[in-house]
N, C-alpha and C. Protein backbone atom coordinates (compact mmCIF):
# COMPACT_ATOMS: atom_id res chain seq x y z
N MET A 1 -5.32 -20.11 21.51
CA MET A 1 -5.59 -20.23 22.92
C MET A 1 -7.08 -20.38 23.20
N VAL A 2 -7.92 -20.09 22.23
CA VAL A 2 -9.36 -20.25 22.43
C VAL A 2 -9.86 -21.55 21.83
N GLY A 3 -8.97 -22.43 21.46
CA GLY A 3 -9.35 -23.73 20.95
C GLY A 3 -9.50 -23.80 19.44
N LEU A 4 -9.14 -22.75 18.74
CA LEU A 4 -9.21 -22.77 17.28
C LEU A 4 -7.95 -23.41 16.72
N SER A 5 -8.10 -24.00 15.57
CA SER A 5 -6.93 -24.54 14.90
C SER A 5 -7.06 -24.30 13.40
N GLY A 6 -5.97 -24.48 12.70
CA GLY A 6 -5.98 -24.32 11.25
C GLY A 6 -6.16 -22.88 10.81
N TRP A 7 -6.83 -22.72 9.68
CA TRP A 7 -6.96 -21.39 9.07
C TRP A 7 -7.72 -20.38 9.92
N PRO A 8 -8.80 -20.75 10.64
CA PRO A 8 -9.45 -19.74 11.50
C PRO A 8 -8.49 -19.15 12.54
N ALA A 9 -7.66 -20.01 13.12
CA ALA A 9 -6.69 -19.53 14.12
C ALA A 9 -5.67 -18.61 13.47
N ILE A 10 -5.25 -18.96 12.26
CA ILE A 10 -4.25 -18.15 11.57
C ILE A 10 -4.84 -16.78 11.22
N VAL A 11 -6.06 -16.77 10.68
CA VAL A 11 -6.70 -15.50 10.28
C VAL A 11 -6.93 -14.62 11.51
N LEU A 12 -7.51 -15.18 12.57
CA LEU A 12 -7.74 -14.39 13.78
C LEU A 12 -6.43 -13.94 14.43
N GLY A 13 -5.43 -14.79 14.37
CA GLY A 13 -4.12 -14.42 14.91
C GLY A 13 -3.49 -13.26 14.15
N LEU A 14 -3.60 -13.29 12.82
CA LEU A 14 -3.06 -12.19 12.02
C LEU A 14 -3.80 -10.89 12.28
N ILE A 15 -5.13 -10.98 12.43
CA ILE A 15 -5.91 -9.77 12.74
C ILE A 15 -5.50 -9.22 14.10
N ALA A 16 -5.35 -10.11 15.09
CA ALA A 16 -4.94 -9.66 16.43
C ALA A 16 -3.55 -9.04 16.40
N LEU A 17 -2.62 -9.67 15.69
CA LEU A 17 -1.26 -9.13 15.59
C LEU A 17 -1.27 -7.77 14.90
N ASP A 18 -2.08 -7.63 13.85
CA ASP A 18 -2.18 -6.36 13.15
C ASP A 18 -2.73 -5.26 14.06
N LEU A 19 -3.73 -5.60 14.88
CA LEU A 19 -4.27 -4.62 15.83
C LEU A 19 -3.24 -4.20 16.86
N VAL A 20 -2.44 -5.15 17.32
CA VAL A 20 -1.38 -4.81 18.29
C VAL A 20 -0.34 -3.90 17.64
N ILE A 21 0.02 -4.19 16.39
CA ILE A 21 1.00 -3.36 15.68
C ILE A 21 0.45 -1.95 15.48
N TYR A 22 -0.85 -1.84 15.16
CA TYR A 22 -1.47 -0.52 15.03
C TYR A 22 -1.43 0.22 16.37
N GLY A 23 -1.78 -0.48 17.45
CA GLY A 23 -1.75 0.14 18.77
C GLY A 23 -0.34 0.57 19.16
N GLN A 24 0.64 -0.25 18.81
CA GLN A 24 2.04 0.10 19.08
C GLN A 24 2.42 1.37 18.32
N HIS A 25 2.02 1.46 17.08
CA HIS A 25 2.34 2.64 16.27
C HIS A 25 1.68 3.88 16.86
N ALA A 26 0.43 3.75 17.27
CA ALA A 26 -0.26 4.88 17.91
C ALA A 26 0.46 5.29 19.19
N MET A 27 0.92 4.31 19.96
CA MET A 27 1.65 4.59 21.20
C MET A 27 2.96 5.34 20.90
N PHE A 28 3.65 4.94 19.83
CA PHE A 28 4.90 5.61 19.48
C PHE A 28 4.67 7.05 19.07
N HIS A 29 3.48 7.39 18.62
CA HIS A 29 3.16 8.77 18.29
C HIS A 29 2.69 9.55 19.51
N ALA A 30 2.06 8.87 20.48
CA ALA A 30 1.42 9.56 21.60
C ALA A 30 2.31 9.75 22.82
N VAL A 31 3.23 8.83 23.07
CA VAL A 31 4.06 8.89 24.28
C VAL A 31 5.38 9.58 23.93
N PRO A 32 5.68 10.69 24.60
CA PRO A 32 6.85 11.50 24.21
C PRO A 32 8.17 10.73 24.12
N ILE A 33 8.45 9.84 25.07
CA ILE A 33 9.74 9.15 25.02
C ILE A 33 9.81 8.20 23.81
N PHE A 34 8.67 7.59 23.46
CA PHE A 34 8.65 6.72 22.28
C PHE A 34 8.66 7.54 21.00
N TRP A 35 8.03 8.73 21.05
CA TRP A 35 8.04 9.61 19.88
C TRP A 35 9.46 10.03 19.53
N ARG A 36 10.30 10.25 20.55
CA ARG A 36 11.69 10.63 20.28
C ARG A 36 12.41 9.57 19.47
N LEU A 37 12.07 8.30 19.70
CA LEU A 37 12.66 7.22 18.91
C LEU A 37 12.01 7.14 17.53
N HIS A 38 10.69 7.26 17.50
CA HIS A 38 9.93 7.04 16.27
C HIS A 38 10.08 8.18 15.26
N LYS A 39 10.37 9.39 15.75
CA LYS A 39 10.43 10.51 14.81
C LYS A 39 11.59 10.40 13.82
N VAL A 40 12.54 9.51 14.09
CA VAL A 40 13.60 9.23 13.11
C VAL A 40 12.96 8.78 11.79
N HIS A 41 11.91 7.99 11.91
CA HIS A 41 11.19 7.48 10.74
C HIS A 41 10.51 8.62 9.97
N HIS A 42 10.13 9.68 10.67
CA HIS A 42 9.39 10.78 10.05
C HIS A 42 10.29 11.94 9.61
N THR A 43 11.59 11.83 9.80
CA THR A 43 12.48 12.93 9.42
C THR A 43 12.86 12.91 7.95
N ASP A 44 12.52 11.85 7.25
CA ASP A 44 12.86 11.73 5.83
C ASP A 44 12.09 12.79 5.04
N LEU A 45 12.80 13.69 4.39
CA LEU A 45 12.15 14.76 3.62
C LEU A 45 11.57 14.26 2.31
N ASP A 46 12.18 13.25 1.73
CA ASP A 46 11.69 12.65 0.49
C ASP A 46 11.20 11.25 0.79
N VAL A 47 9.88 11.06 0.75
CA VAL A 47 9.33 9.73 1.02
C VAL A 47 9.63 8.84 -0.17
N ASP A 48 10.44 7.81 0.10
CA ASP A 48 10.81 6.86 -0.94
C ASP A 48 10.95 5.48 -0.30
N VAL A 49 11.57 4.57 -1.00
CA VAL A 49 11.67 3.19 -0.51
C VAL A 49 12.45 3.10 0.80
N THR A 50 13.37 4.01 1.06
CA THR A 50 14.16 3.94 2.29
C THR A 50 13.38 4.40 3.51
N THR A 51 12.29 5.15 3.32
CA THR A 51 11.50 5.65 4.44
C THR A 51 10.94 4.50 5.27
N GLY A 52 10.58 3.40 4.62
CA GLY A 52 10.00 2.26 5.32
C GLY A 52 10.96 1.49 6.19
N VAL A 53 12.26 1.74 6.03
CA VAL A 53 13.25 1.03 6.84
C VAL A 53 14.08 1.98 7.71
N ARG A 54 13.67 3.23 7.78
CA ARG A 54 14.42 4.23 8.56
C ARG A 54 13.85 4.29 9.97
N PHE A 55 14.46 3.56 10.89
CA PHE A 55 14.00 3.52 12.28
C PHE A 55 15.19 3.59 13.21
N HIS A 56 14.97 4.13 14.41
CA HIS A 56 15.98 4.15 15.45
C HIS A 56 16.21 2.70 15.90
N PRO A 57 17.46 2.30 16.11
CA PRO A 57 17.73 0.91 16.52
C PRO A 57 16.98 0.49 17.79
N ALA A 58 16.83 1.40 18.73
CA ALA A 58 16.09 1.06 19.96
C ALA A 58 14.62 0.82 19.66
N GLU A 59 14.06 1.54 18.69
CA GLU A 59 12.66 1.30 18.31
C GLU A 59 12.51 -0.07 17.67
N VAL A 60 13.47 -0.46 16.86
CA VAL A 60 13.41 -1.77 16.21
C VAL A 60 13.43 -2.88 17.27
N ILE A 61 14.31 -2.76 18.25
CA ILE A 61 14.42 -3.78 19.30
C ILE A 61 13.13 -3.83 20.12
N LEU A 62 12.61 -2.68 20.52
CA LEU A 62 11.38 -2.63 21.29
C LEU A 62 10.21 -3.19 20.49
N SER A 63 10.12 -2.80 19.24
CA SER A 63 9.04 -3.25 18.37
C SER A 63 9.08 -4.77 18.17
N MET A 64 10.25 -5.32 17.94
CA MET A 64 10.36 -6.77 17.77
C MET A 64 10.01 -7.50 19.06
N GLY A 65 10.39 -6.95 20.19
CA GLY A 65 10.03 -7.55 21.47
C GLY A 65 8.52 -7.61 21.68
N ILE A 66 7.84 -6.53 21.32
CA ILE A 66 6.37 -6.49 21.43
C ILE A 66 5.76 -7.54 20.52
N LYS A 67 6.21 -7.60 19.28
CA LYS A 67 5.65 -8.57 18.32
C LYS A 67 5.91 -10.01 18.75
N MET A 68 7.11 -10.29 19.23
CA MET A 68 7.42 -11.65 19.68
C MET A 68 6.57 -12.03 20.89
N ALA A 69 6.36 -11.10 21.80
CA ALA A 69 5.53 -11.37 22.97
C ALA A 69 4.09 -11.69 22.56
N VAL A 70 3.56 -10.96 21.60
CA VAL A 70 2.19 -11.21 21.14
C VAL A 70 2.09 -12.58 20.49
N VAL A 71 3.06 -12.94 19.67
CA VAL A 71 3.04 -14.26 19.03
C VAL A 71 3.09 -15.36 20.09
N LEU A 72 3.90 -15.19 21.12
CA LEU A 72 3.98 -16.18 22.19
C LEU A 72 2.68 -16.25 23.00
N VAL A 73 2.11 -15.10 23.32
CA VAL A 73 0.88 -15.07 24.11
C VAL A 73 -0.29 -15.68 23.33
N LEU A 74 -0.39 -15.35 22.04
CA LEU A 74 -1.48 -15.88 21.23
C LEU A 74 -1.27 -17.32 20.82
N ALA A 75 -0.05 -17.82 20.95
CA ALA A 75 0.29 -19.20 20.55
C ALA A 75 -0.18 -19.47 19.12
N LEU A 76 0.20 -18.59 18.21
CA LEU A 76 -0.23 -18.71 16.82
C LEU A 76 0.32 -19.98 16.18
N PRO A 77 -0.53 -20.69 15.44
CA PRO A 77 -0.03 -21.88 14.75
C PRO A 77 0.80 -21.49 13.52
N SER A 78 1.64 -22.39 13.09
CA SER A 78 2.40 -22.13 11.87
C SER A 78 1.52 -22.43 10.67
N LEU A 79 1.88 -21.87 9.53
CA LEU A 79 1.13 -22.12 8.32
C LEU A 79 1.29 -23.58 7.90
N PRO A 80 0.21 -24.21 7.46
CA PRO A 80 0.33 -25.59 7.01
C PRO A 80 1.17 -25.67 5.73
N CYS A 81 1.97 -26.69 5.63
CA CYS A 81 2.82 -26.87 4.46
C CYS A 81 2.22 -27.94 3.57
N SER A 82 2.06 -27.60 2.29
CA SER A 82 1.52 -28.58 1.34
C SER A 82 2.62 -29.15 0.47
N CYS A 83 3.87 -28.95 0.90
CA CYS A 83 4.99 -29.45 0.10
C CYS A 83 5.23 -30.93 0.40
N SER A 84 5.71 -31.63 -0.61
CA SER A 84 6.00 -33.04 -0.42
C SER A 84 7.51 -33.22 -0.26
N ARG A 85 7.89 -34.22 0.47
CA ARG A 85 9.32 -34.44 0.71
C ARG A 85 9.81 -35.57 -0.10
């Protein structure tokens, strides 16, 4: 949206998306109603491979909505393909 294209737009877009995801995670810890959803992720007594996918379904839907909105607002370009047809 600022007139960048190619790799600079992709790198800045990924940094912006990562910052939004960090802010979302902080919000899920700070806001009580979101914490009620997010604490499902923190109830795992043994941290293992399943801990990374243990989320309340409502949190997954809300989280994906936030991420999709950011991608649409930032108008991130797709990765260039170097494959031949």
